[in-house]
Amino acid sequence: MIAKAIALFKKDYHSELRTRYAINSLAMFIIVAISVILFAVGQEKLSEGLAGGLFWVVIFFTAMSGLARAFVSEEERGTSLTLQLIAAPSTVFSGKLLFNIILVFCMNTVIALLYAALFESFVIKNFSLFVFAFVIGNIGLAVSSTIIAAIIAKAGAKGTLYPVLSFPILLPLILTSVQLTLFALDGTSIEDAKFELAIVVSYDVVMLTVSYMLFDFIWKD
């Protein structure tokens, strides 16, 4: 299973290198979103709360612009039936999830570096808390985005349906991640933020479990 999942990841990786659809979409949205924020703010200094909130707003909408391609591309190329024949549903989901996790981490690392360089108020005082929240938040974002992409792959209005389904599912993760980012900016200890960390970890576990349980039915329907 692991070997086949890695092979599927490599297929998506090489396909993305050829087309650069998701990479170009993500890069353009990151540049446009941060540029708009910079022009809107002007010479004013953002508060820490606003900077942390806008950080995750950019992450959310950037994810909406590129992560839907995980399964949509298979439907467009007509290769979904081939995948159903040669690989188990859990293997397909694992390969797609691995690709999305790496894509999400690369995307959000770029956003975090740009924020730290361009916004004076985005200064992390508790780096350990920020990294921990960043990692578990990105995993939750990748898992949710992957299963949602599988759900909307066979729908007609894919571009419209993806953000509509994503918003209520990702809202608890985004709100808690915003709070954890504010804690990291304020220098709050990990001990004081353990309740919010537990929420995000629980979210990741629940979404991962539900995704593997339901993907078999979603993929074959």
C-alpha atoms as a PDB file:
ATOM      1  CA  MET A   1       0.000   0.000   0.000  1.00  0.00           C
ATOM      2  CA  ILE A   2       2.746   2.452   0.961  1.00  0.00           C
ATOM      3  CA  ALA A   3       4.696   1.797  -2.241  1.00  0.00           C
ATOM      4  CA  LYS A   4       1.598   2.357  -4.393  1.00  0.00           C
ATOM      5  CA  ALA A   5       0.673   5.516  -2.475  1.00  0.00           C
ATOM      6  CA  ILE A   6       4.182   6.903  -3.034  1.00  0.00           C
ATOM      7  CA  ALA A   7       3.943   5.968  -6.725  1.00  0.00           C
ATOM      8  CA  LEU A   8       0.652   7.875  -6.972  1.00  0.00           C
ATOM      9  CA  PHE A   9       2.257  10.838  -5.228  1.00  0.00           C
ATOM     10  CA  LYS A  10       5.120  10.780  -7.748  1.00  0.00           C
ATOM     11  CA  LYS A  11       2.613  10.694 -10.619  1.00  0.00           C
ATOM     12  CA  ASP A  12       0.860  13.801  -9.295  1.00  0.00           C
ATOM     13  CA  TYR A  13       4.203  15.461  -8.596  1.00  0.00           C
ATOM     14  CA  HIS A  14       5.509  14.952 -12.138  1.00  0.00           C
ATOM     15  CA  SER A  15       2.151  15.941 -13.600  1.00  0.00           C
ATOM     16  CA  GLU A  16       2.190  19.165 -11.599  1.00  0.00           C
ATOM     17  CA  LEU A  17       5.739  19.921 -12.726  1.00  0.00           C
ATOM     18  CA  ARG A  18       4.573  19.643 -16.341  1.00  0.00           C
ATOM     19  CA  THR A  19       1.388  21.713 -16.044  1.00  0.00           C
ATOM     20  CA  ARG A  20       2.158  23.862 -12.952  1.00  0.00           C
ATOM     21  CA  TYR A  21      -1.581  24.495 -12.622  1.00  0.00           C
ATOM     22  CA  ALA A  22      -1.810  24.324  -8.829  1.00  0.00           C
ATOM     23  CA  ILE A  23       1.590  25.968  -8.269  1.00  0.00           C
ATOM     24  CA  ASN A  24       0.766  28.913 -10.539  1.00  0.00           C
ATOM     25  CA  SER A  25      -2.695  29.347  -8.998  1.00  0.00           C
ATOM     26  CA  LEU A  26      -1.318  29.283  -5.460  1.00  0.00           C
ATOM     27  CA  ALA A  27       1.600  31.607  -6.262  1.00  0.00           C
ATOM     28  CA  MET A  28      -0.615  34.175  -8.000  1.00  0.00           C
ATOM     29  CA  PHE A  29      -3.170  34.187  -5.186  1.00  0.00           C
ATOM     30  CA  ILE A  30      -0.477  34.584  -2.529  1.00  0.00           C
ATOM     31  CA  ILE A  31       1.075  37.524  -4.378  1.00  0.00           C
ATOM     32  CA  VAL A  32      -2.263  39.207  -5.101  1.00  0.00           C
ATOM     33  CA  ALA A  33      -3.702  38.689  -1.598  1.00  0.00           C
ATOM     34  CA  ILE A  34      -0.646  39.985   0.250  1.00  0.00           C
ATOM     35  CA  SER A  35      -0.254  42.896  -2.197  1.00  0.00           C
ATOM     36  CA  VAL A  36      -3.882  43.935  -1.650  1.00  0.00           C
ATOM     37  CA  ILE A  37      -3.390  43.826   2.127  1.00  0.00           C
ATOM     38  CA  LEU A  38      -0.214  45.929   1.841  1.00  0.00           C
ATOM     39  CA  PHE A  39      -1.937  48.553  -0.346  1.00  0.00           C
ATOM     40  CA  ALA A  40      -4.981  48.630   1.927  1.00  0.00           C
ATOM     41  CA  VAL A  41      -2.915  49.039   5.090  1.00  0.00           C
ATOM     42  CA  GLY A  42      -0.587  51.665   3.646  1.00  0.00           C
ATOM     43  CA  GLN A  43       1.557  53.297   6.297  1.00  0.00           C
ATOM     44  CA  GLU A  44      -0.583  52.084   9.190  1.00  0.00           C
ATOM     45  CA  LYS A  45       0.706  49.333  11.439  1.00  0.00           C
ATOM     46  CA  LEU A  46      -1.444  46.245  11.773  1.00  0.00           C
ATOM     47  CA  SER A  47      -2.323  45.068  15.257  1.00  0.00           C
ATOM     48  CA  GLU A  48      -1.156  41.584  16.212  1.00  0.00           C
ATOM     49  CA  GLY A  49      -4.723  40.307  16.271  1.00  0.00           C
ATOM     50  CA  LEU A  50      -5.472  41.611  12.784  1.00  0.00           C
ATOM     51  CA  ALA A  51      -2.163  40.317  11.400  1.00  0.00           C
ATOM     52  CA  GLY A  52      -2.810  36.825  12.792  1.00  0.00           C
ATOM     53  CA  GLY A  53      -6.360  36.780  11.452  1.00  0.00           C
ATOM     54  CA  LEU A  54      -5.360  37.959   7.972  1.00  0.00           C
ATOM     55  CA  PHE A  55      -2.569  35.376   7.929  1.00  0.00           C
ATOM     56  CA  TRP A  56      -5.079  32.523   8.117  1.00  0.00           C
ATOM     57  CA  VAL A  57      -7.523  34.268   5.783  1.00  0.00           C
ATOM     58  CA  VAL A  58      -4.817  34.298   3.101  1.00  0.00           C
ATOM     59  CA  ILE A  59      -4.045  30.630   3.835  1.00  0.00           C
ATOM     60  CA  PHE A  60      -7.709  29.618   3.574  1.00  0.00           C
ATOM     61  CA  PHE A  61      -8.440  31.352   0.273  1.00  0.00           C
ATOM     62  CA  THR A  62      -5.110  30.315  -1.220  1.00  0.00           C
ATOM     63  CA  ALA A  63      -5.969  26.697  -0.428  1.00  0.00           C
ATOM     64  CA  MET A  64      -9.349  27.162  -2.111  1.00  0.00           C
ATOM     65  CA  SER A  65      -7.620  28.279  -5.315  1.00  0.00           C
ATOM     66  CA  GLY A  66      -5.379  25.233  -5.781  1.00  0.00           C
ATOM     67  CA  LEU A  67      -6.153  22.190  -3.637  1.00  0.00           C
ATOM     68  CA  ALA A  68      -9.376  21.243  -5.449  1.00  0.00           C
ATOM     69  CA  ARG A  69      -7.278  19.796  -8.283  1.00  0.00           C
ATOM     70  CA  ALA A  70      -6.438  16.641  -6.316  1.00  0.00           C
ATOM     71  CA  PHE A  71      -9.267  14.595  -7.837  1.00  0.00           C
ATOM     72  CA  VAL A  72     -10.730  17.013 -10.379  1.00  0.00           C
ATOM     73  CA  SER A  73      -7.672  16.521 -12.591  1.00  0.00           C
ATOM     74  CA  GLU A  74      -8.279  12.745 -12.641  1.00  0.00           C
ATOM     75  CA  GLU A  75     -11.861  13.275 -13.815  1.00  0.00           C
ATOM     76  CA  GLU A  76     -10.790  15.765 -16.480  1.00  0.00           C
ATOM     77  CA  ARG A  77      -8.120  13.428 -17.859  1.00  0.00           C
ATOM     78  CA  GLY A  78     -10.389  10.385 -17.621  1.00  0.00           C
ATOM     79  CA  THR A  79      -7.930   8.466 -15.424  1.00  0.00           C
ATOM     80  CA  SER A  80     -10.150   7.997 -12.369  1.00  0.00           C
ATOM     81  CA  LEU A  81     -11.492   4.643 -13.611  1.00  0.00           C
ATOM     82  CA  THR A  82      -7.933   3.398 -14.163  1.00  0.00           C
ATOM     83  CA  LEU A  83      -7.032   4.335 -10.589  1.00  0.00           C
ATOM     84  CA  GLN A  84     -10.102   2.475  -9.320  1.00  0.00           C
ATOM     85  CA  LEU A  85      -8.951  -0.658 -11.120  1.00  0.00           C
ATOM     86  CA  ILE A  86      -5.284  -0.670 -10.119  1.00  0.00           C
ATOM     87  CA  ALA A  87      -5.310   0.691  -6.569  1.00  0.00           C
ATOM     88  CA  ALA A  88      -7.365   0.338  -3.402  1.00  0.00           C
ATOM     89  CA  PRO A  89      -9.336   3.433  -2.310  1.00  0.00           C
ATOM     90  CA  SER A  90      -7.173   3.873   0.801  1.00  0.00           C
ATOM     91  CA  THR A  91      -4.049   3.839  -1.383  1.00  0.00           C
ATOM     92  CA  VAL A  92      -5.466   6.480  -3.719  1.00  0.00           C
ATOM     93  CA  PHE A  93      -6.459   8.696  -0.820  1.00  0.00           C
ATOM     94  CA  SER A  94      -3.049   8.285   0.852  1.00  0.00           C
ATOM     95  CA  GLY A  95      -1.205   9.284  -2.337  1.00  0.00           C
ATOM     96  CA  LYS A  96      -3.410  12.333  -2.909  1.00  0.00           C
ATOM     97  CA  LEU A  97      -3.181  13.307   0.755  1.00  0.00           C
ATOM     98  CA  LEU A  98       0.615  13.096   0.737  1.00  0.00           C
ATOM     99  CA  PHE A  99       0.763  15.384  -2.305  1.00  0.00           C
ATOM    100  CA  ASN A 100      -1.628  17.911  -0.732  1.00  0.00           C
ATOM    101  CA  ILE A 101       0.230  17.892   2.598  1.00  0.00           C
ATOM    102  CA  ILE A 102       3.527  18.749   0.894  1.00  0.00           C
ATOM    103  CA  LEU A 103       1.805  21.379  -1.275  1.00  0.00           C
ATOM    104  CA  VAL A 104       0.097  22.955   1.751  1.00  0.00           C
ATOM    105  CA  PHE A 105       3.315  23.069   3.790  1.00  0.00           C
ATOM    106  CA  CYS A 106       5.265  24.664   0.929  1.00  0.00           C
ATOM    107  CA  MET A 107       2.486  27.186   0.282  1.00  0.00           C
ATOM    108  CA  ASN A 108       2.003  28.183   3.911  1.00  0.00           C
ATOM    109  CA  THR A 109       5.735  28.370   4.615  1.00  0.00           C
ATOM    110  CA  VAL A 110       6.040  30.921   1.809  1.00  0.00           C
ATOM    111  CA  ILE A 111       3.084  32.875   3.221  1.00  0.00           C
ATOM    112  CA  ALA A 112       4.587  32.837   6.737  1.00  0.00           C
ATOM    113  CA  LEU A 113       7.984  34.054   5.480  1.00  0.00           C
ATOM    114  CA  LEU A 114       6.371  36.849   3.428  1.00  0.00           C
ATOM    115  CA  TYR A 115       4.270  37.908   6.412  1.00  0.00           C
ATOM    116  CA  ALA A 116       7.289  37.988   8.709  1.00  0.00           C
ATOM    117  CA  ALA A 117       9.228  40.062   6.166  1.00  0.00           C
ATOM    118  CA  LEU A 118       6.469  42.522   5.202  1.00  0.00           C
ATOM    119  CA  PHE A 119       4.462  43.086   8.395  1.00  0.00           C
ATOM    120  CA  GLU A 120       6.207  44.488  11.457  1.00  0.00           C
ATOM    121  CA  SER A 121       3.462  43.300  13.815  1.00  0.00           C
ATOM    122  CA  PHE A 122       3.854  39.675  12.715  1.00  0.00           C
ATOM    123  CA  VAL A 123       6.632  38.852  15.178  1.00  0.00           C
ATOM    124  CA  ILE A 124       6.517  35.376  16.701  1.00  0.00           C
ATOM    125  CA  LYS A 125       7.354  35.508  20.407  1.00  0.00           C
ATOM    126  CA  ASN A 126       6.746  31.811  21.083  1.00  0.00           C
ATOM    127  CA  PHE A 127       8.250  30.067  18.070  1.00  0.00           C
ATOM    128  CA  SER A 128       7.676  26.543  19.408  1.00  0.00           C
ATOM    129  CA  LEU A 129       3.946  27.142  19.821  1.00  0.00           C
ATOM    130  CA  PHE A 130       3.712  28.682  16.359  1.00  0.00           C
ATOM    131  CA  VAL A 131       5.502  25.745  14.707  1.00  0.00           C
ATOM    132  CA  PHE A 132       3.356  23.201  16.552  1.00  0.00           C
ATOM    133  CA  ALA A 133       0.133  25.022  15.630  1.00  0.00           C
ATOM    134  CA  PHE A 134       1.393  25.546  12.079  1.00  0.00           C
ATOM    135  CA  VAL A 135       2.120  21.837  11.583  1.00  0.00           C
ATOM    136  CA  ILE A 136      -1.129  20.446  12.987  1.00  0.00           C
ATOM    137  CA  GLY A 137      -3.147  23.202  11.323  1.00  0.00           C
ATOM    138  CA  ASN A 138      -1.642  22.443   7.926  1.00  0.00           C
ATOM    139  CA  ILE A 139      -2.282  18.713   8.344  1.00  0.00           C
ATOM    140  CA  GLY A 140      -5.940  19.388   9.142  1.00  0.00           C
ATOM    141  CA  LEU A 141      -6.213  21.740   6.163  1.00  0.00           C
ATOM    142  CA  ALA A 142      -4.689  19.143   3.816  1.00  0.00           C
ATOM    143  CA  VAL A 143      -6.879  16.273   5.064  1.00  0.00           C
ATOM    144  CA  SER A 144     -10.111  18.283   4.838  1.00  0.00           C
ATOM    145  CA  SER A 145      -9.239  19.739   1.437  1.00  0.00           C
ATOM    146  CA  THR A 146      -8.421  16.305   0.032  1.00  0.00           C
ATOM    147  CA  ILE A 147     -11.681  14.634   1.063  1.00  0.00           C
ATOM    148  CA  ILE A 148     -13.710  17.660  -0.087  1.00  0.00           C
ATOM    149  CA  ALA A 149     -11.908  17.545  -3.451  1.00  0.00           C
ATOM    150  CA  ALA A 150     -12.947  13.884  -3.767  1.00  0.00           C
ATOM    151  CA  ILE A 151     -16.583  14.762  -3.003  1.00  0.00           C
ATOM    152  CA  ILE A 152     -16.852  17.538  -5.597  1.00  0.00           C
ATOM    153  CA  ALA A 153     -14.785  15.811  -8.314  1.00  0.00           C
ATOM    154  CA  LYS A 154     -17.826  14.421 -10.126  1.00  0.00           C
ATOM    155  CA  ALA A 155     -20.005  17.498  -9.602  1.00  0.00           C
ATOM    156  CA  GLY A 156     -20.812  19.921 -12.392  1.00  0.00           C
ATOM    157  CA  ALA A 157     -20.018  23.225 -10.651  1.00  0.00           C
ATOM    158  CA  LYS A 158     -16.695  22.192  -9.125  1.00  0.00           C
ATOM    159  CA  GLY A 159     -15.263  25.696  -8.738  1.00  0.00           C
ATOM    160  CA  THR A 160     -18.336  26.980  -6.894  1.00  0.00           C
ATOM    161  CA  LEU A 161     -19.008  23.900  -4.790  1.00  0.00           C
ATOM    162  CA  TYR A 162     -15.488  23.529  -3.373  1.00  0.00           C
ATOM    163  CA  PRO A 163     -15.384  26.732  -1.247  1.00  0.00           C
ATOM    164  CA  VAL A 164     -19.040  26.301  -0.260  1.00  0.00           C
ATOM    165  CA  LEU A 165     -18.350  22.865   1.231  1.00  0.00           C
ATOM    166  CA  SER A 166     -14.948  23.836   2.596  1.00  0.00           C
ATOM    167  CA  PHE A 167     -16.021  26.852   4.645  1.00  0.00           C
ATOM    168  CA  PRO A 168     -18.230  25.113   7.263  1.00  0.00           C
ATOM    169  CA  ILE A 169     -15.875  22.139   7.510  1.00  0.00           C
ATOM    170  CA  LEU A 170     -12.712  24.220   7.876  1.00  0.00           C
ATOM    171  CA  LEU A 171     -14.225  26.972  10.048  1.00  0.00           C
ATOM    172  CA  PRO A 172     -13.442  25.312  13.428  1.00  0.00           C
ATOM    173  CA  LEU A 173      -9.864  24.626  12.301  1.00  0.00           C
ATOM    174  CA  ILE A 174      -9.318  28.167  10.990  1.00  0.00           C
ATOM    175  CA  LEU A 175     -10.775  29.871  14.073  1.00  0.00           C
ATOM    176  CA  THR A 176      -8.715  27.767  16.476  1.00  0.00           C
ATOM    177  CA  SER A 177      -5.565  28.202  14.372  1.00  0.00           C
ATOM    178  CA  VAL A 178      -6.089  31.975  14.413  1.00  0.00           C
ATOM    179  CA  GLN A 179      -6.300  31.876  18.205  1.00  0.00           C
ATOM    180  CA  LEU A 180      -3.121  29.776  18.439  1.00  0.00           C
ATOM    181  CA  THR A 181      -1.314  32.213  16.134  1.00  0.00           C
ATOM    182  CA  LEU A 182      -2.364  35.096  18.376  1.00  0.00           C
ATOM    183  CA  PHE A 183      -1.038  33.172  21.377  1.00  0.00           C
ATOM    184  CA  ALA A 184       2.285  32.691  19.567  1.00  0.00           C
ATOM    185  CA  LEU A 185       2.444  36.402  18.720  1.00  0.00           C
ATOM    186  CA  ASP A 186       1.693  37.308  22.349  1.00  0.00           C
ATOM    187  CA  GLY A 187       4.265  34.855  23.713  1.00  0.00           C
ATOM    188  CA  THR A 188       1.736  32.613  25.462  1.00  0.00           C
ATOM    189  CA  SER A 189       3.199  29.341  26.717  1.00  0.00           C
ATOM    190  CA  ILE A 190       2.274  25.987  25.212  1.00  0.00           C
ATOM    191  CA  GLU A 191       0.822  24.965  28.581  1.00  0.00           C
ATOM    192  CA  ASP A 192      -1.669  27.866  28.463  1.00  0.00           C
ATOM    193  CA  ALA A 193      -2.617  27.020  24.883  1.00  0.00           C
ATOM    194  CA  LYS A 194      -3.074  23.273  25.399  1.00  0.00           C
ATOM    195  CA  PHE A 195      -6.886  23.462  25.129  1.00  0.00           C
ATOM    196  CA  GLU A 196      -6.733  25.025  21.643  1.00  0.00           C
ATOM    197  CA  LEU A 197      -3.964  22.613  20.631  1.00  0.00           C
ATOM    198  CA  ALA A 198      -6.117  19.696  21.768  1.00  0.00           C
ATOM    199  CA  ILE A 199      -8.992  20.984  19.611  1.00  0.00           C
ATOM    200  CA  VAL A 200      -6.830  21.088  16.466  1.00  0.00           C
ATOM    201  CA  VAL A 201      -5.275  17.670  17.164  1.00  0.00           C
ATOM    202  CA  SER A 202      -8.746  16.197  17.745  1.00  0.00           C
ATOM    203  CA  TYR A 203      -9.965  17.820  14.540  1.00  0.00           C
ATOM    204  CA  ASP A 204      -7.083  16.233  12.594  1.00  0.00           C
ATOM    205  CA  VAL A 205      -7.726  12.788  14.064  1.00  0.00           C
ATOM    206  CA  VAL A 206     -11.483  12.946  13.442  1.00  0.00           C
ATOM    207  CA  MET A 207     -11.125  14.228   9.866  1.00  0.00           C
ATOM    208  CA  LEU A 208      -8.445  11.668   9.029  1.00  0.00           C
ATOM    209  CA  THR A 209     -10.506   8.793  10.455  1.00  0.00           C
ATOM    210  CA  VAL A 210     -13.739   9.890   8.783  1.00  0.00           C
ATOM    211  CA  SER A 211     -11.957  10.469   5.467  1.00  0.00           C
ATOM    212  CA  TYR A 212     -10.551   6.938   5.328  1.00  0.00           C
ATOM    213  CA  MET A 213     -13.897   5.462   6.405  1.00  0.00           C
ATOM    214  CA  LEU A 214     -15.940   7.345   3.788  1.00  0.00           C
ATOM    215  CA  PHE A 215     -13.523   7.576   0.885  1.00  0.00           C
ATOM    216  CA  ASP A 216     -14.337   4.073  -0.354  1.00  0.00           C
ATOM    217  CA  PHE A 217     -17.980   5.070  -0.905  1.00  0.00           C
ATOM    218  CA  ILE A 218     -17.120   8.498  -2.331  1.00  0.00           C
ATOM    219  CA  TRP A 219     -14.528   7.145  -4.768  1.00  0.00           C
ATOM    220  CA  LYS A 220     -16.692   4.354  -6.224  1.00  0.00           C
ATOM    221  CA  ASP A 221     -19.969   6.306  -6.562  1.00  0.00           C
END
